[in-house]
Amino acid sequence: MFGTDGIRGRAYRDVTPEVAARIGAAVVEMFGCTRVVLGHDPRSSAGDLVQGLLRGLSGAEVDLLGVAPTPAVAFCSAADGVPGIVVSASHNPYHDNGVKIFGPGGRKLSDTEQECVAAALRSGVDATGTPAVAGDASDRLQSYLHAVASTVGPDALDGLHLVVDGANGATSALAPALLRRLGASVRTVACEPNGRNINDGCGATTPGLIAARTRPGEVGLAFDGDGDRVVAYDRGLIDGDRIIALCGIDRHERGRLAGSTVVVTVMSNLGLHRAMAEAGIDVVTVPVGDRHVLSALEAGGWELGGEQSGHVVFRDLATTGDGLLTAVQLLDVAVRRGAPLGDLAAAAMTRHPQVLQNVTVSGAAADVLVAIEPAVERARQALGETGRVLVRCSGTEPLIRVMVEAATEAEAGAVAESLAAEVTRRSG
């Protein structure tokens, strides 16, 4: 039921108001809570799912943030010591939706807690009580913005010219407002949500738009639908790997990188590992999902980690990945260092040739993964020490993700294409 980041599926088919009601009841049962913070992204199905959750949250007082980035819900959850719930399917198309749950303190659920929620859903937890009373708490979003702004100086971004792609999602209004408050000049694209255009040809998972719209002298920022990830653009894409490399080196040189360590996932580029080694920074690798990154950071007492996709965690500043916080931290590095962001990012790491392909599958992706294992093993043997192959099921969509690193882009592309074709053949 839980993927790499909450519960997600087709709205009204997989994720229905009834399912939402049972999730709400499961949260109340597990945490014994009398108060919950609730927010959602702007997709069209959000209202019905929120109403479902309110039925399940019977007996609890609900602070309703309205349209809010996932990290804003986590912030309020942490500030109040109560659970937080987000209705969002993150970077998925508008017709999908889902539910993310934060435990008291703004932390993502552990595996054990996820299983408790899943077990409650399977057992038919009662969700027939009187709907919870929801109070308008949208003004609390200003407290969240203030908290992000306070991590840098008052005019930290003065003189920067930015273009923001809000993915027609939850950061569409908040991101430009905060960046302007910090002194930047801001243009916007894809910041006009209508309920059906979230992530539609825009946002962090479609960086071609921000690349096309960013003019010379500007820095582009592309968020995803719920605002927990960001990628940047300055004469080239600055993904999560480059953000971690640049911020990691900056913190390390200032003596502010806890344990001289960063945490990344198996999808991170080999170039990041090499750059960190050269800088004297240790790298800990975990499975995909910022939940795993957070768990490792907490266990090791470290503070910086994330994913190539743009989920970056500054554990000393937030309890979860936060696209807006990441953007502010990244831009602050460029301003303090007095150099163009693109130059700094390019100097921080040299990207090893890498090709990623997402292949839609019908049926059970896990079965397809087993069927193609011989082809994957042959590819690994052919590449030897010069490359790397990782093939995995998506935790959020009916996809198999193929990642290949090789000595050249052409070789990586050829191997990835061959494996993608095998996935398609086996899933047919």
Protein backbone atom coordinates (compact mmCIF):
# COMPACT_ATOMS: atom_id res chain seq x y z
CA MET A 1 0.00 0.00 0.00
CA PHE A 2 2.80 2.43 0.88
CA GLY A 3 5.26 3.36 -1.87
CA THR A 4 8.51 5.23 -1.42
CA ASP A 5 6.55 8.30 -0.30
CA GLY A 6 3.12 7.60 1.14
CA ILE A 7 -0.03 6.14 -0.40
CA ARG A 8 -0.64 6.99 -4.03
CA GLY A 9 -2.81 5.93 -6.98
CA ARG A 10 -5.55 6.96 -9.40
CA ALA A 11 -7.99 9.33 -7.69
CA TYR A 12 -11.53 7.97 -7.28
CA ARG A 13 -10.36 4.49 -8.29
CA ASP A 14 -7.46 3.59 -5.99
CA VAL A 15 -7.53 6.59 -3.66
CA THR A 16 -11.18 7.33 -2.92
CA PRO A 17 -12.84 9.50 -0.26
CA GLU A 18 -13.69 6.26 1.54
CA VAL A 19 -10.04 5.19 1.55
CA ALA A 20 -9.10 8.67 2.79
CA ALA A 21 -11.64 8.34 5.62
CA ARG A 22 -10.11 5.05 6.72
CA ILE A 23 -6.61 6.58 6.57
CA GLY A 24 -7.80 9.41 8.80
CA ALA A 25 -9.31 6.95 11.27
CA ALA A 26 -6.11 4.89 11.24
CA VAL A 27 -4.04 7.99 12.07
CA VAL A 28 -6.30 8.82 15.03
CA GLU A 29 -6.18 5.21 16.23
CA MET A 30 -2.40 4.89 15.92
CA PHE A 31 -1.39 8.22 17.45
CA GLY A 32 -4.36 8.73 19.77
CA CYS A 33 -4.32 12.32 18.61
CA THR A 34 -6.83 15.06 19.34
CA ARG A 35 -5.35 17.48 16.82
CA VAL A 36 -3.99 17.14 13.27
CA VAL A 37 -2.51 19.52 10.68
CA LEU A 38 -3.88 18.99 7.16
CA GLY A 39 -2.88 20.45 3.80
CA HIS A 40 -3.19 19.58 0.13
CA ASP A 41 -1.87 20.44 -3.32
CA PRO A 42 -4.17 22.10 -5.89
CA ARG A 43 -5.23 19.07 -7.94
CA SER A 44 -8.96 18.79 -8.62
CA SER A 45 -9.62 15.71 -6.47
CA ALA A 46 -8.13 17.24 -3.31
CA GLY A 47 -11.37 18.64 -1.92
CA ASP A 48 -13.22 15.32 -1.94
CA LEU A 49 -10.28 13.50 -0.35
CA VAL A 50 -9.96 16.17 2.34
CA GLN A 51 -13.65 15.69 3.16
CA GLY A 52 -13.02 11.95 3.39
CA LEU A 53 -10.13 12.49 5.76
CA LEU A 54 -12.26 14.75 7.96
CA ARG A 55 -14.80 11.95 8.33
CA GLY A 56 -12.05 9.60 9.43
CA LEU A 57 -10.50 12.14 11.78
CA SER A 58 -13.68 12.21 13.87
CA GLY A 59 -13.03 13.54 17.35
CA ALA A 60 -9.87 15.41 16.37
CA GLU A 61 -9.42 19.12 15.87
CA VAL A 62 -8.01 19.81 12.39
CA ASP A 63 -5.90 22.82 11.40
CA LEU A 64 -6.65 23.14 7.68
CA LEU A 65 -3.80 24.86 5.84
CA GLY A 66 -5.51 24.69 2.45
CA VAL A 67 -3.17 24.55 -0.54
CA ALA A 68 0.22 24.04 1.07
CA PRO A 69 3.58 22.50 0.18
CA THR A 70 4.27 19.19 1.89
CA PRO A 71 7.21 20.72 3.84
CA ALA A 72 4.88 23.41 5.23
CA VAL A 73 2.65 20.70 6.70
CA ALA A 74 5.72 18.99 8.16
CA PHE A 75 6.85 22.33 9.63
CA CYS A 76 3.51 22.90 11.38
CA SER A 77 3.45 19.28 12.54
CA ALA A 78 6.90 19.70 14.07
CA ALA A 79 6.06 23.05 15.65
CA ASP A 80 2.94 21.71 17.34
CA GLY A 81 4.03 18.14 18.07
CA VAL A 82 0.98 16.71 16.29
CA PRO A 83 0.55 14.47 13.23
CA GLY A 84 0.39 16.05 9.80
CA ILE A 85 -1.41 14.81 6.70
CA VAL A 86 -0.92 15.93 3.09
CA VAL A 87 -3.27 15.12 0.24
CA SER A 88 -0.94 15.00 -2.76
CA ALA A 89 0.47 12.75 -5.45
CA SER A 90 3.64 14.85 -5.61
CA HIS A 91 5.06 14.79 -9.17
CA ASN A 92 2.34 12.52 -10.61
CA PRO A 93 -0.28 13.74 -13.13
CA TYR A 94 -3.42 15.50 -11.90
CA HIS A 95 -5.59 12.38 -12.21
CA ASP A 96 -3.55 10.67 -9.46
CA ASN A 97 -3.69 11.57 -5.81
CA GLY A 98 -2.44 10.24 -2.52
CA VAL A 99 -1.84 10.77 1.16
CA LYS A 100 1.41 11.48 2.98
CA ILE A 101 1.51 11.17 6.75
CA PHE A 102 3.87 12.79 9.24
CA GLY A 103 4.10 11.62 12.81
CA PRO A 104 4.16 14.11 15.71
CA GLY A 105 7.24 16.25 15.28
CA GLY A 106 7.00 16.41 11.48
CA ARG A 107 8.79 13.13 10.85
CA LYS A 108 7.97 10.62 8.14
CA LEU A 109 6.53 7.34 9.32
CA SER A 110 8.83 4.45 10.12
CA ASP A 111 8.31 1.08 8.44
CA THR A 112 6.59 -0.15 11.61
CA GLU A 113 4.23 2.83 11.69
CA GLN A 114 3.41 2.41 8.01
CA GLU A 115 2.53 -1.22 8.65
CA CYS A 116 0.28 -0.17 11.54
CA VAL A 117 -1.65 2.17 9.24
CA ALA A 118 -1.84 -0.50 6.54
CA ALA A 119 -3.04 -3.09 9.07
CA ALA A 120 -5.74 -0.73 10.33
CA LEU A 121 -6.93 -0.20 6.77
CA ARG A 122 -7.01 -3.93 6.08
CA SER A 123 -8.96 -4.61 9.26
CA GLY A 124 -11.69 -2.15 8.31
CA VAL A 125 -11.05 0.56 10.90
CA ASP A 126 -14.24 2.46 11.76
CA ALA A 127 -14.53 5.72 9.81
CA THR A 128 -18.22 6.44 10.35
CA GLY A 129 -18.09 9.02 13.12
CA THR A 130 -19.03 12.68 13.00
CA PRO A 131 -16.58 14.56 10.74
CA ALA A 132 -13.80 16.44 12.48
CA VAL A 133 -14.11 20.17 12.96
CA ALA A 134 -11.70 21.92 10.60
CA GLY A 135 -10.47 25.43 11.30
CA ASP A 136 -8.87 27.69 8.69
CA ALA A 137 -5.15 27.78 9.49
CA SER A 138 -3.89 29.10 6.15
CA ASP A 139 -2.27 32.07 7.90
CA ARG A 140 0.25 29.62 9.37
CA LEU A 141 1.90 29.38 5.95
CA GLN A 142 3.46 32.75 6.73
CA SER A 143 5.17 31.22 9.76
CA TYR A 144 6.59 28.53 7.49
CA LEU A 145 7.89 31.14 5.02
CA HIS A 146 9.42 33.11 7.88
CA ALA A 147 11.20 29.99 9.12
CA VAL A 148 12.69 29.32 5.68
CA ALA A 149 13.71 32.96 5.25
CA SER A 150 15.37 33.03 8.67
CA THR A 151 17.94 30.42 7.56
CA VAL A 152 19.72 33.14 5.56
CA GLY A 153 20.27 36.89 5.88
CA PRO A 154 17.46 39.46 5.35
CA ASP A 155 18.49 40.37 1.78
CA ALA A 156 20.45 37.22 1.04
CA LEU A 157 19.30 37.00 -2.58
CA ASP A 158 19.61 40.68 -3.42
CA GLY A 159 20.61 41.19 -7.05
CA LEU A 160 19.65 37.72 -8.28
CA HIS A 161 17.37 37.35 -11.29
CA LEU A 162 15.27 34.20 -11.05
CA VAL A 163 12.61 32.40 -13.04
CA VAL A 164 10.39 30.04 -11.05
CA ASP A 165 8.52 27.04 -12.43
CA GLY A 166 5.97 26.14 -9.77
CA ALA A 167 4.72 23.00 -11.59
CA ASN A 168 1.26 24.61 -11.29
CA GLY A 169 1.42 23.14 -7.82
CA ALA A 170 1.58 23.96 -4.15
CA THR A 171 4.53 26.39 -4.34
CA SER A 172 3.10 28.47 -7.19
CA ALA A 173 2.28 31.46 -4.97
CA LEU A 174 4.62 30.92 -2.02
CA ALA A 175 7.95 30.41 -3.80
CA PRO A 176 7.93 33.66 -5.84
CA ALA A 177 6.71 35.60 -2.79
CA LEU A 178 9.50 34.35 -0.53
CA LEU A 179 12.26 34.76 -3.10
CA ARG A 180 11.16 38.35 -3.73
CA ARG A 181 11.08 38.96 0.03
CA LEU A 182 14.75 37.92 0.14
CA GLY A 183 15.67 40.46 -2.52
CA ALA A 184 15.52 38.55 -5.79
CA SER A 185 13.83 39.66 -8.99
CA VAL A 186 11.44 36.87 -10.01
CA ARG A 187 9.62 35.86 -13.19
CA THR A 188 7.22 32.93 -13.13
CA VAL A 189 6.14 30.11 -15.42
CA ALA A 190 3.68 27.32 -14.63
CA CYS A 191 2.48 29.12 -11.51
CA GLU A 192 -1.23 29.20 -12.40
CA PRO A 193 -2.82 26.02 -11.03
CA ASN A 194 -6.30 25.15 -12.24
CA GLY A 195 -6.67 21.71 -10.67
CA ARG A 196 -5.79 19.80 -13.83
CA ASN A 197 -2.46 21.26 -14.97
CA ILE A 198 -0.24 20.26 -12.04
CA ASN A 199 3.05 18.74 -13.32
CA ASP A 200 1.70 18.95 -16.90
CA GLY A 201 4.82 19.51 -19.00
CA CYS A 202 6.40 21.51 -16.21
CA GLY A 203 8.12 21.23 -12.85
CA ALA A 204 11.15 19.42 -11.52
CA THR A 205 10.45 16.22 -13.44
CA THR A 206 10.20 18.11 -16.76
CA PRO A 207 13.23 20.42 -16.58
CA GLY A 208 13.10 21.17 -20.30
CA LEU A 209 10.62 23.97 -19.60
CA ILE A 210 12.82 25.81 -17.11
CA ALA A 211 15.80 25.30 -19.43
CA ALA A 212 13.90 26.89 -22.30
CA ARG A 213 12.51 29.80 -20.26
CA THR A 214 15.67 30.81 -18.36
CA ARG A 215 17.37 33.79 -20.00
CA PRO A 216 21.08 34.68 -19.86
CA GLY A 217 21.85 36.16 -16.46
CA GLU A 218 18.96 34.35 -14.77
CA VAL A 219 18.81 31.26 -12.60
CA GLY A 220 15.88 28.91 -13.10
CA LEU A 221 14.20 26.98 -10.29
CA ALA A 222 11.73 24.15 -10.96
CA PHE A 223 9.70 22.69 -8.09
CA ASP A 224 7.50 19.61 -8.16
CA GLY A 225 3.76 19.54 -7.51
CA ASP A 226 3.92 19.36 -3.72
CA GLY A 227 7.10 21.38 -3.27
CA ASP A 228 9.37 18.86 -1.58
CA ARG A 229 11.92 18.87 -4.39
CA VAL A 230 13.63 21.39 -6.66
CA VAL A 231 16.15 21.44 -9.49
CA ALA A 232 17.91 24.53 -10.80
CA TYR A 233 19.14 25.72 -14.18
CA ASP A 234 22.02 28.02 -15.07
CA ARG A 235 23.44 27.22 -18.52
CA GLY A 236 22.86 23.60 -17.59
CA LEU A 237 20.75 21.49 -15.27
CA ILE A 238 21.66 21.53 -11.58
CA ASP A 239 20.01 18.41 -10.18
CA GLY A 240 19.97 17.04 -6.65
CA ASP A 241 23.44 15.50 -7.01
CA ARG A 242 24.99 18.85 -7.93
CA ILE A 243 23.04 20.63 -5.19
CA ILE A 244 24.33 18.16 -2.59
CA ALA A 245 27.87 18.41 -3.96
CA LEU A 246 27.93 22.21 -3.91
CA CYS A 247 26.20 22.64 -0.55
CA GLY A 248 28.25 19.80 0.94
CA ILE A 249 31.56 21.31 -0.14
CA ASP A 250 30.48 24.78 1.02
CA ARG A 251 29.50 23.49 4.45
CA HIS A 252 32.62 21.33 4.71
CA GLU A 253 34.93 24.24 3.92
CA ARG A 254 33.19 26.33 6.59
CA GLY A 255 33.39 23.53 9.16
CA ARG A 256 29.62 23.10 9.15
CA LEU A 257 29.18 19.66 7.59
CA ALA A 258 28.35 17.32 10.47
CA GLY A 259 30.63 14.31 10.47
CA SER A 260 32.07 15.39 7.10
CA THR A 261 29.41 13.10 5.62
CA VAL A 262 26.55 13.27 3.13
CA VAL A 263 23.84 10.65 2.57
CA VAL A 264 22.71 9.82 -0.97
CA THR A 265 20.74 7.06 -2.70
CA VAL A 266 21.73 4.31 -5.11
CA MET A 267 20.59 6.54 -8.00
CA SER A 268 23.23 9.20 -7.33
CA ASN A 269 25.78 9.77 -10.06
CA LEU A 270 29.25 8.25 -9.73
CA GLY A 271 30.62 11.75 -10.27
CA LEU A 272 29.14 12.85 -6.94
CA HIS A 273 30.94 10.05 -5.12
CA ARG A 274 34.24 11.00 -6.76
CA ALA A 275 33.79 14.70 -6.01
CA MET A 276 33.04 14.04 -2.37
CA ALA A 277 36.09 11.79 -2.03
CA GLU A 278 38.30 14.52 -3.50
CA ALA A 279 36.83 17.03 -1.04
CA GLY A 280 37.41 14.75 1.96
CA ILE A 281 33.71 14.07 2.46
CA ASP A 282 32.37 10.60 3.24
CA VAL A 283 29.32 9.29 1.37
CA VAL A 284 26.72 6.93 2.82
CA THR A 285 24.43 5.25 0.26
CA VAL A 286 20.85 4.15 0.99
CA PRO A 287 17.85 2.88 -1.03
CA VAL A 288 15.72 5.32 -3.03
CA GLY A 289 13.37 7.54 -1.01
CA ASP A 290 14.04 10.57 1.15
CA ARG A 291 12.59 8.58 4.07
CA HIS A 292 15.66 6.34 3.88
CA VAL A 293 17.92 9.38 3.59
CA LEU A 294 16.37 10.89 6.72
CA SER A 295 16.67 7.64 8.65
CA ALA A 296 20.39 7.39 7.85
CA LEU A 297 21.00 11.05 8.69
CA GLU A 298 19.32 10.63 12.07
CA ALA A 299 21.15 7.39 12.83
CA GLY A 300 24.54 8.87 11.99
CA GLY A 301 24.00 12.34 13.43
CA TRP A 302 24.60 13.87 9.99
CA GLU A 303 22.74 16.80 8.44
CA LEU A 304 22.92 16.85 4.63
CA GLY A 305 21.64 14.30 2.16
CA GLY A 306 19.21 13.70 -0.65
CA GLU A 307 18.40 12.34 -4.05
CA GLN A 308 19.37 13.13 -7.62
CA SER A 309 15.70 13.94 -8.27
CA GLY A 310 15.97 17.10 -6.18
CA HIS A 311 14.81 15.86 -2.78
CA VAL A 312 17.44 17.41 -0.50
CA VAL A 313 17.37 17.27 3.29
CA PHE A 314 19.01 19.84 5.55
CA ARG A 315 18.31 18.02 8.81
CA ASP A 316 19.57 20.88 10.96
CA LEU A 317 17.00 23.17 9.34
CA ALA A 318 13.97 20.97 8.60
CA THR A 319 12.47 17.56 9.33
CA THR A 320 12.01 16.56 5.69
CA GLY A 321 13.02 17.38 2.14
CA ASP A 322 11.97 20.94 1.29
CA GLY A 323 12.26 22.39 -2.22
CA LEU A 324 11.93 26.01 -1.16
CA LEU A 325 14.45 25.68 1.66
CA THR A 326 16.84 23.90 -0.72
CA ALA A 327 16.51 26.67 -3.30
CA VAL A 328 17.25 29.34 -0.70
CA GLN A 329 20.28 27.47 0.64
CA LEU A 330 21.64 26.86 -2.86
CA LEU A 331 21.24 30.46 -3.99
CA ASP A 332 22.77 31.71 -0.74
CA VAL A 333 25.92 29.72 -1.53
CA ALA A 334 26.20 31.44 -4.92
CA VAL A 335 25.71 34.92 -3.46
CA ARG A 336 28.19 34.38 -0.63
CA ARG A 337 30.79 32.98 -3.02
CA GLY A 338 30.26 35.79 -5.50
CA ALA A 339 30.17 33.54 -8.57
CA PRO A 340 27.50 32.38 -11.03
CA LEU A 341 25.62 29.35 -9.74
CA GLY A 342 26.26 27.42 -12.95
CA ASP A 343 30.02 27.84 -12.60
CA LEU A 344 29.98 26.76 -8.96
CA ALA A 345 27.83 23.71 -9.66
CA ALA A 346 30.01 22.62 -12.57
CA ALA A 347 33.14 22.97 -10.44
CA ALA A 348 31.61 21.03 -7.55
CA MET A 349 31.33 17.77 -9.50
CA THR A 350 31.91 16.30 -12.95
CA ARG A 351 28.95 14.21 -14.00
CA HIS A 352 29.77 10.64 -15.05
CA PRO A 353 27.91 9.62 -18.26
CA GLN A 354 24.51 8.42 -17.07
CA VAL A 355 21.22 7.64 -18.81
CA LEU A 356 17.88 7.19 -17.06
CA GLN A 357 14.82 5.65 -18.70
CA ASN A 358 11.34 5.15 -17.26
CA VAL A 359 9.38 2.29 -18.83
CA THR A 360 5.64 1.95 -18.24
CA VAL A 361 4.62 -1.61 -17.40
CA SER A 362 1.31 -3.41 -17.31
CA GLY A 363 0.80 -5.98 -14.62
CA ALA A 364 3.15 -6.61 -11.71
CA ALA A 365 6.37 -4.64 -12.09
CA ALA A 366 8.10 -6.89 -9.57
CA ASP A 367 7.50 -9.92 -11.81
CA VAL A 368 8.95 -8.08 -14.80
CA LEU A 369 11.98 -7.18 -12.71
CA VAL A 370 12.62 -10.86 -11.97
CA ALA A 371 12.17 -11.80 -15.64
CA ILE A 372 14.75 -9.31 -16.91
CA GLU A 373 17.41 -10.08 -14.29
CA PRO A 374 19.47 -12.24 -16.72
CA ALA A 375 19.61 -9.32 -19.20
CA VAL A 376 20.58 -6.94 -16.41
CA GLU A 377 23.37 -9.26 -15.29
CA ARG A 378 24.71 -9.53 -18.85
CA ALA A 379 24.78 -5.74 -19.10
CA ARG A 380 26.67 -5.46 -15.82
CA GLN A 381 29.26 -7.97 -16.96
CA ALA A 382 29.70 -6.20 -20.29
CA LEU A 383 30.30 -2.84 -18.61
CA GLY A 384 32.62 -4.27 -15.96
CA GLU A 385 34.40 -1.70 -13.82
CA THR A 386 33.66 1.15 -16.25
CA GLY A 387 29.94 1.35 -15.54
CA ARG A 388 26.95 0.57 -13.38
CA VAL A 389 23.42 -0.74 -13.97
CA LEU A 390 20.46 -0.25 -11.66
CA VAL A 391 16.96 -1.40 -12.57
CA ARG A 392 14.15 -0.98 -10.04
CA CYS A 393 10.40 -0.63 -9.67
CA SER A 394 9.09 2.88 -9.10
CA GLY A 395 7.63 3.32 -5.66
CA THR A 396 5.07 5.86 -6.89
CA GLU A 397 4.03 4.93 -10.46
CA PRO A 398 3.56 1.80 -12.66
CA LEU A 399 7.08 2.13 -14.01
CA ILE A 400 10.39 0.34 -14.06
CA ARG A 401 13.30 2.75 -13.87
CA VAL A 402 16.49 1.88 -15.76
CA MET A 403 19.72 3.66 -14.86
CA VAL A 404 22.99 2.99 -16.70
CA GLU A 405 26.39 4.59 -16.20
CA ALA A 406 29.20 3.92 -18.67
CA ALA A 407 32.43 5.34 -20.03
CA THR A 408 30.52 7.38 -22.63
CA GLU A 409 27.01 8.78 -22.95
CA ALA A 410 26.52 6.79 -26.15
CA GLU A 411 27.41 3.49 -24.49
CA ALA A 412 25.17 4.23 -21.51
CA GLY A 413 22.33 5.13 -23.86
CA ALA A 414 22.70 1.96 -25.91
CA VAL A 415 22.66 -0.28 -22.83
CA ALA A 416 19.71 1.58 -21.31
CA GLU A 417 17.77 1.35 -24.58
CA SER A 418 18.40 -2.38 -24.78
CA LEU A 419 17.24 -2.96 -21.21
CA ALA A 420 14.18 -0.74 -21.68
CA ALA A 421 13.21 -2.78 -24.73
CA GLU A 422 13.56 -5.97 -22.69
CA VAL A 423 11.31 -4.50 -19.99
CA THR A 424 8.69 -3.65 -22.61
CA ARG A 425 8.91 -7.12 -24.14
CA ARG A 426 8.57 -8.87 -20.79
CA SER A 427 5.69 -6.69 -19.60
CA GLY A 428 3.67 -7.28 -22.77
